[in-house]
């Protein structure tokens, strides 16, 4: 079994279709600090973001939902091996079919979002990467029902689909408060949008930008600062 080791926990993703990636690390490190007590991780995969939430927010209980059986096995193992096993739970389910009266003060997700690109060969990887099984409307409907009035919904999405994302969110009266645009290098195109939504509309949205690496391909100081709580070598 192979492990990806962070400062306070480790991850195995041997059985997961989607592996540990930069998007999840940035999202987990970037989401606003607050006194969260109940966090929902939609499509938790092998559990990376959930574990990051457990490390960052010491009073929070974290509930991960994952549709893929193999990824759930990884998440369950990773949670049990972590220092926060009593605050972490994963359920194998389609988030649209999870029946609960519980509401959350933070909902976070690295959702499937490749709608037009070539489908991967393996079914599990297709489900993890593509939004055939979790459309934006379904996602925001779930968030709208499951988030407290002053709660936060944070996710990562392709930059070239940001306007579509914002339009769907507005239909469910969820509005951006913070937006982070990331690119691989300073002279590259923006690749991802990391967005925090709330139920209250904000006149002045906070915009941020991040280059993951410098033009010489070395990790940027800004990326190191953002992720320094987690990566062993930062």
Protein backbone atom coordinates (compact mmCIF):
# COMPACT_ATOMS: atom_id res chain seq x y z
CA UNK A 1 0.00 0.00 0.00
CA UNK A 2 1.42 3.38 -1.02
CA UNK A 3 0.98 6.51 1.09
CA UNK A 4 1.07 10.23 0.39
CA UNK A 5 2.40 11.69 3.63
CA UNK A 6 1.39 15.08 4.98
CA UNK A 7 2.59 16.75 8.19
CA UNK A 8 -0.20 15.43 10.42
CA UNK A 9 -1.77 12.59 8.43
CA UNK A 10 -1.22 10.26 5.52
CA UNK A 11 -3.36 9.23 2.55
CA UNK A 12 -3.61 6.05 0.55
CA UNK A 13 -5.54 6.38 -2.69
CA UNK A 14 -4.67 2.97 -4.16
CA UNK A 15 -8.31 2.05 -4.75
CA UNK A 16 -9.61 5.52 -5.66
CA UNK A 17 -10.28 6.52 -9.23
CA UNK A 18 -9.08 10.07 -8.62
CA UNK A 19 -5.73 10.49 -6.91
CA UNK A 20 -4.44 13.09 -4.47
CA UNK A 21 -4.18 16.31 -6.44
CA UNK A 22 -3.28 19.98 -6.24
CA UNK A 23 -6.89 21.19 -6.61
CA UNK A 24 -7.98 19.46 -3.41
CA UNK A 25 -4.93 20.63 -1.47
CA UNK A 26 -5.48 24.25 -2.50
CA UNK A 27 -9.20 24.10 -1.69
CA UNK A 28 -8.61 22.58 1.73
CA UNK A 29 -5.91 25.11 2.59
CA UNK A 30 -7.71 28.16 1.13
CA UNK A 31 -11.21 27.91 2.59
CA UNK A 32 -11.88 30.64 5.16
CA UNK A 33 -10.97 30.07 8.77
CA UNK A 34 -13.94 30.01 11.15
CA UNK A 35 -15.38 28.19 14.16
CA UNK A 36 -17.04 25.49 12.08
CA UNK A 37 -18.72 22.70 14.01
CA UNK A 38 -20.22 20.62 11.20
CA UNK A 39 -18.68 20.13 7.75
CA UNK A 40 -19.97 18.19 4.74
CA UNK A 41 -17.50 17.03 2.08
CA UNK A 42 -19.41 16.16 -1.11
CA UNK A 43 -17.56 13.60 -3.23
CA UNK A 44 -14.85 13.13 -0.63
CA UNK A 45 -12.86 10.58 -2.64
CA UNK A 46 -10.03 9.12 -0.55
CA UNK A 47 -10.74 11.70 2.16
CA UNK A 48 -8.00 14.29 1.62
CA UNK A 49 -10.14 17.42 2.02
CA UNK A 50 -12.00 15.93 4.99
CA UNK A 51 -8.69 15.25 6.72
CA UNK A 52 -7.48 18.77 5.97
CA UNK A 53 -10.69 20.11 7.52
CA UNK A 54 -10.16 17.96 10.61
CA UNK A 55 -6.63 19.34 10.98
CA UNK A 56 -7.62 22.98 10.47
CA UNK A 57 -10.87 23.07 12.45
CA UNK A 58 -10.46 21.38 15.81
CA UNK A 59 -14.12 21.68 16.88
CA UNK A 60 -15.66 20.37 13.66
CA UNK A 61 -17.26 17.02 12.90
CA UNK A 62 -16.72 16.10 9.25
CA UNK A 63 -19.08 13.98 7.16
CA UNK A 64 -17.83 12.74 3.79
CA UNK A 65 -20.14 11.37 1.11
CA UNK A 66 -18.70 9.38 -1.80
CA UNK A 67 -20.51 7.45 -4.54
CA UNK A 68 -17.58 5.19 -5.49
CA UNK A 69 -17.16 2.07 -3.35
CA UNK A 70 -13.39 1.82 -3.75
CA UNK A 71 -12.82 5.45 -2.85
CA UNK A 72 -14.98 4.95 0.25
CA UNK A 73 -12.75 2.10 1.35
CA UNK A 74 -9.72 4.36 1.04
CA UNK A 75 -11.44 7.20 2.91
CA UNK A 76 -12.59 4.92 5.71
CA UNK A 77 -9.06 3.53 6.12
CA UNK A 78 -7.48 6.99 6.02
CA UNK A 79 -9.94 8.33 8.60
CA UNK A 80 -9.32 5.41 10.95
CA UNK A 81 -5.57 5.89 10.74
CA UNK A 82 -5.76 9.65 11.41
CA UNK A 83 -5.53 11.51 14.75
CA UNK A 84 -9.14 12.67 14.29
CA UNK A 85 -10.97 9.36 13.78
CA UNK A 86 -13.70 10.35 16.28
CA UNK A 87 -14.62 13.43 14.22
CA UNK A 88 -14.60 11.85 10.76
CA UNK A 89 -17.27 9.76 9.05
CA UNK A 90 -17.76 8.60 5.47
CA UNK A 91 -20.89 7.24 3.83
CA UNK A 92 -21.05 5.34 0.55
CA UNK A 93 -23.95 7.07 -1.18
CA UNK A 94 -25.17 9.37 -3.91
CA UNK A 95 -25.42 12.78 -2.21
CA UNK A 96 -28.81 13.30 -3.88
CA UNK A 97 -30.16 10.26 -2.03
CA UNK A 98 -28.70 10.95 1.40
CA UNK A 99 -31.58 11.47 3.80
CA UNK A 100 -30.68 13.67 6.72
CA UNK A 101 -32.18 16.56 8.62
CA UNK A 102 -28.71 17.75 9.54
CA UNK A 103 -27.49 21.14 8.31
CA UNK A 104 -23.87 22.26 8.00
CA UNK A 105 -22.00 25.50 8.52
CA UNK A 106 -19.43 24.54 5.88
CA UNK A 107 -19.99 22.46 2.76
CA UNK A 108 -16.94 21.79 0.61
CA UNK A 109 -16.49 19.93 -2.66
CA UNK A 110 -14.08 19.14 -5.44
CA UNK A 111 -16.91 17.99 -7.70
CA UNK A 112 -16.88 16.19 -11.05
CA UNK A 113 -16.79 18.87 -13.71
CA UNK A 114 -15.59 17.61 -17.10
CA UNK A 115 -18.76 17.73 -19.17
CA UNK A 116 -17.46 17.87 -22.74
CA UNK A 117 -14.00 16.34 -22.65
CA UNK A 118 -13.34 12.76 -23.73
CA UNK A 119 -14.66 10.29 -21.18
CA UNK A 120 -12.01 8.14 -19.46
CA UNK A 121 -12.06 4.44 -20.18
CA UNK A 122 -12.74 3.28 -16.65
CA UNK A 123 -16.24 3.80 -15.28
CA UNK A 124 -15.05 4.82 -11.82
CA UNK A 125 -12.69 7.46 -13.18
CA UNK A 126 -15.44 8.73 -15.46
CA UNK A 127 -17.80 9.15 -12.53
CA UNK A 128 -15.13 10.91 -10.51
CA UNK A 129 -14.12 13.33 -13.28
CA UNK A 130 -17.34 13.97 -15.18
CA UNK A 131 -20.54 15.66 -14.12
CA UNK A 132 -22.91 13.12 -15.65
CA UNK A 133 -23.89 11.86 -12.19
CA UNK A 134 -23.89 15.20 -10.34
CA UNK A 135 -25.07 18.17 -12.38
CA UNK A 136 -24.62 21.71 -11.13
CA UNK A 137 -28.33 22.05 -10.41
CA UNK A 138 -28.24 18.92 -8.24
CA UNK A 139 -25.15 20.15 -6.42
CA UNK A 140 -26.51 23.59 -5.60
CA UNK A 141 -29.92 22.23 -4.66
CA UNK A 142 -28.20 19.94 -2.16
CA UNK A 143 -26.12 22.80 -0.79
CA UNK A 144 -29.08 25.15 -0.52
CA UNK A 145 -31.01 22.61 1.55
CA UNK A 146 -28.09 21.47 3.69
CA UNK A 147 -26.34 24.72 4.65
CA UNK A 148 -27.20 27.00 7.57
CA UNK A 149 -28.23 30.57 6.74
CA UNK A 150 -24.81 32.08 7.44
CA UNK A 151 -22.88 29.05 6.21
CA UNK A 152 -20.20 28.73 3.53
CA UNK A 153 -20.05 26.57 0.41
CA UNK A 154 -16.55 26.25 -1.08
CA UNK A 155 -15.63 24.44 -4.27
CA UNK A 156 -13.17 24.31 -7.16
CA UNK A 157 -14.28 24.47 -10.78
CA UNK A 158 -12.72 25.06 -14.21
CA UNK A 159 -12.20 28.77 -14.88
CA UNK A 160 -13.75 28.49 -18.33
CA UNK A 161 -17.02 27.35 -16.72
CA UNK A 162 -17.09 29.98 -13.97
CA UNK A 163 -19.89 32.05 -15.49
CA UNK A 164 -22.07 28.97 -15.89
CA UNK A 165 -21.35 28.07 -12.28
CA UNK A 166 -22.26 31.53 -10.98
CA UNK A 167 -25.50 31.58 -12.98
CA UNK A 168 -26.65 28.25 -11.56
CA UNK A 169 -25.65 29.28 -8.03
CA UNK A 170 -27.69 32.49 -8.31
CA UNK A 171 -30.79 30.45 -9.20
CA UNK A 172 -30.47 28.89 -5.74
CA UNK A 173 -29.71 32.25 -4.10
CA UNK A 174 -26.09 31.40 -3.43
CA UNK A 175 -23.62 34.20 -4.16
CA UNK A 176 -19.81 34.43 -4.37
CA UNK A 177 -17.91 36.11 -1.54
CA UNK A 178 -14.34 35.04 -2.35
CA UNK A 179 -12.88 33.91 -5.68
CA UNK A 180 -9.36 32.58 -6.18
CA UNK A 181 -8.02 32.14 -9.71
CA UNK A 182 -5.08 29.76 -10.09
CA UNK A 183 -2.66 29.14 -12.92
CA UNK A 184 0.23 26.72 -13.24
CA UNK A 185 2.79 29.49 -13.91
CA UNK A 186 2.67 33.32 -13.98
CA UNK A 187 2.56 33.48 -17.78
CA UNK A 188 0.01 30.67 -18.16
CA UNK A 189 -3.75 30.97 -18.54
CA UNK A 190 -6.02 30.80 -15.51
CA UNK A 191 -6.99 27.17 -15.01
CA UNK A 192 -9.20 26.91 -11.92
CA UNK A 193 -11.68 29.01 -9.96
CA UNK A 194 -11.96 28.42 -6.22
CA UNK A 195 -15.15 30.05 -4.95
CA UNK A 196 -16.80 30.55 -1.58
CA UNK A 197 -20.55 31.04 -1.73
CA UNK A 198 -22.93 32.37 0.91
CA UNK A 199 -26.67 33.01 1.00
CA UNK A 200 -26.12 36.75 1.41
CA UNK A 201 -25.30 38.76 -1.70
CA UNK A 202 -22.09 40.78 -1.46
CA UNK A 203 -21.47 43.98 -3.43
CA UNK A 204 -17.67 43.68 -3.41
CA UNK A 205 -16.47 40.15 -4.02
CA UNK A 206 -12.91 39.43 -2.85
CA UNK A 207 -10.73 38.37 -5.80
CA UNK A 208 -7.40 36.60 -5.34
CA UNK A 209 -4.89 34.99 -7.67
CA UNK A 210 -2.23 32.33 -7.27
CA UNK A 211 0.52 30.93 -9.48
CA UNK A 212 1.37 27.43 -8.31
CA UNK A 213 4.88 27.49 -9.76
CA UNK A 214 7.27 30.17 -10.97
CA UNK A 215 8.31 30.32 -14.59
CA UNK A 216 11.33 28.17 -13.69
CA UNK A 217 8.86 25.44 -12.56
CA UNK A 218 9.80 25.81 -8.87
CA UNK A 219 6.86 26.08 -6.46
CA UNK A 220 6.00 29.73 -5.82
CA UNK A 221 6.40 31.28 -2.37
CA UNK A 222 2.66 32.07 -2.33
CA UNK A 223 1.79 28.42 -2.93
CA UNK A 224 4.25 27.32 -0.25
CA UNK A 225 2.72 29.74 2.26
CA UNK A 226 -0.80 28.59 1.48
CA UNK A 227 -0.03 24.88 1.85
CA UNK A 228 2.74 25.00 4.47
CA UNK A 229 0.51 23.47 7.19
CA UNK A 230 0.28 20.29 5.15
CA UNK A 231 3.20 19.53 2.82
CA UNK A 232 6.22 17.94 4.50
CA UNK A 233 8.76 19.77 2.33
CA UNK A 234 7.34 23.29 2.82
